[in-house]
């Protein structure tokens, strides 16, 4: 079973601030690429976490 990621209020605030900064400084494509990268890394973490827990 994949691990659930629970975002802390500080994490939510940080990502919202990052998105706001990107929207002012860059364009929607950059925001989407950033969010895709976050999703990719979180999915990789969940997958790795699941694999490691299988060895315990």
Protein backbone atom coordinates (compact mmCIF):
# COMPACT_ATOMS: atom_id res chain seq x y z
CA UNK A 1 0.00 0.00 0.00
CA UNK A 2 1.45 3.41 -0.97
CA UNK A 3 2.39 5.77 1.81
CA UNK A 4 0.11 8.75 2.26
CA UNK A 5 1.76 12.15 2.20
CA UNK A 6 0.29 14.60 4.66
CA UNK A 7 1.20 18.20 3.94
CA UNK A 8 1.89 20.36 6.98
CA UNK A 9 0.44 23.88 7.04
CA UNK A 10 3.97 25.25 6.55
CA UNK A 11 4.50 23.01 3.50
CA UNK A 12 1.22 24.16 1.97
CA UNK A 13 2.14 27.78 2.60
CA UNK A 14 5.60 27.28 1.07
CA UNK A 15 4.29 25.69 -2.11
CA UNK A 16 1.58 28.36 -2.44
CA UNK A 17 4.23 31.07 -2.07
CA UNK A 18 6.43 29.36 -4.64
CA UNK A 19 3.53 29.15 -7.09
CA UNK A 20 2.70 32.81 -6.49
CA UNK A 21 6.32 33.79 -7.14
CA UNK A 22 6.41 31.73 -10.33
CA UNK A 23 3.15 33.26 -11.54
CA UNK A 24 4.53 36.77 -11.10
CA UNK A 25 8.00 36.05 -12.47
CA UNK A 26 7.37 33.39 -15.10
CA UNK A 27 4.43 31.89 -16.94
CA UNK A 28 1.90 29.08 -16.56
CA UNK A 29 4.14 26.59 -18.36
CA UNK A 30 6.86 27.04 -15.72
CA UNK A 31 4.29 26.60 -12.95
CA UNK A 32 3.03 23.39 -14.56
CA UNK A 33 6.58 22.08 -14.97
CA UNK A 34 7.30 22.85 -11.31
CA UNK A 35 4.15 21.05 -10.16
CA UNK A 36 4.92 18.09 -12.44
CA UNK A 37 8.37 17.86 -10.88
CA UNK A 38 6.90 17.98 -7.37
CA UNK A 39 4.42 15.23 -8.29
CA UNK A 40 7.20 13.13 -9.83
CA UNK A 41 9.42 13.41 -6.76
CA UNK A 42 6.58 12.68 -4.35
CA UNK A 43 5.55 9.63 -6.38
CA UNK A 44 9.16 8.43 -6.40
CA UNK A 45 9.38 8.93 -2.64
CA UNK A 46 6.16 6.99 -2.07
CA UNK A 47 7.35 4.20 -4.34
CA UNK A 48 10.75 4.02 -2.62
CA UNK A 49 9.14 4.15 0.79
CA UNK A 50 6.83 1.27 -0.18
CA UNK A 51 9.76 -0.77 -1.50
CA UNK A 52 11.84 -0.19 1.64
CA UNK A 53 8.96 -1.09 3.95
CA UNK A 54 8.57 -4.36 2.04
CA UNK A 55 12.03 -5.41 3.21
CA UNK A 56 11.30 -4.99 6.91
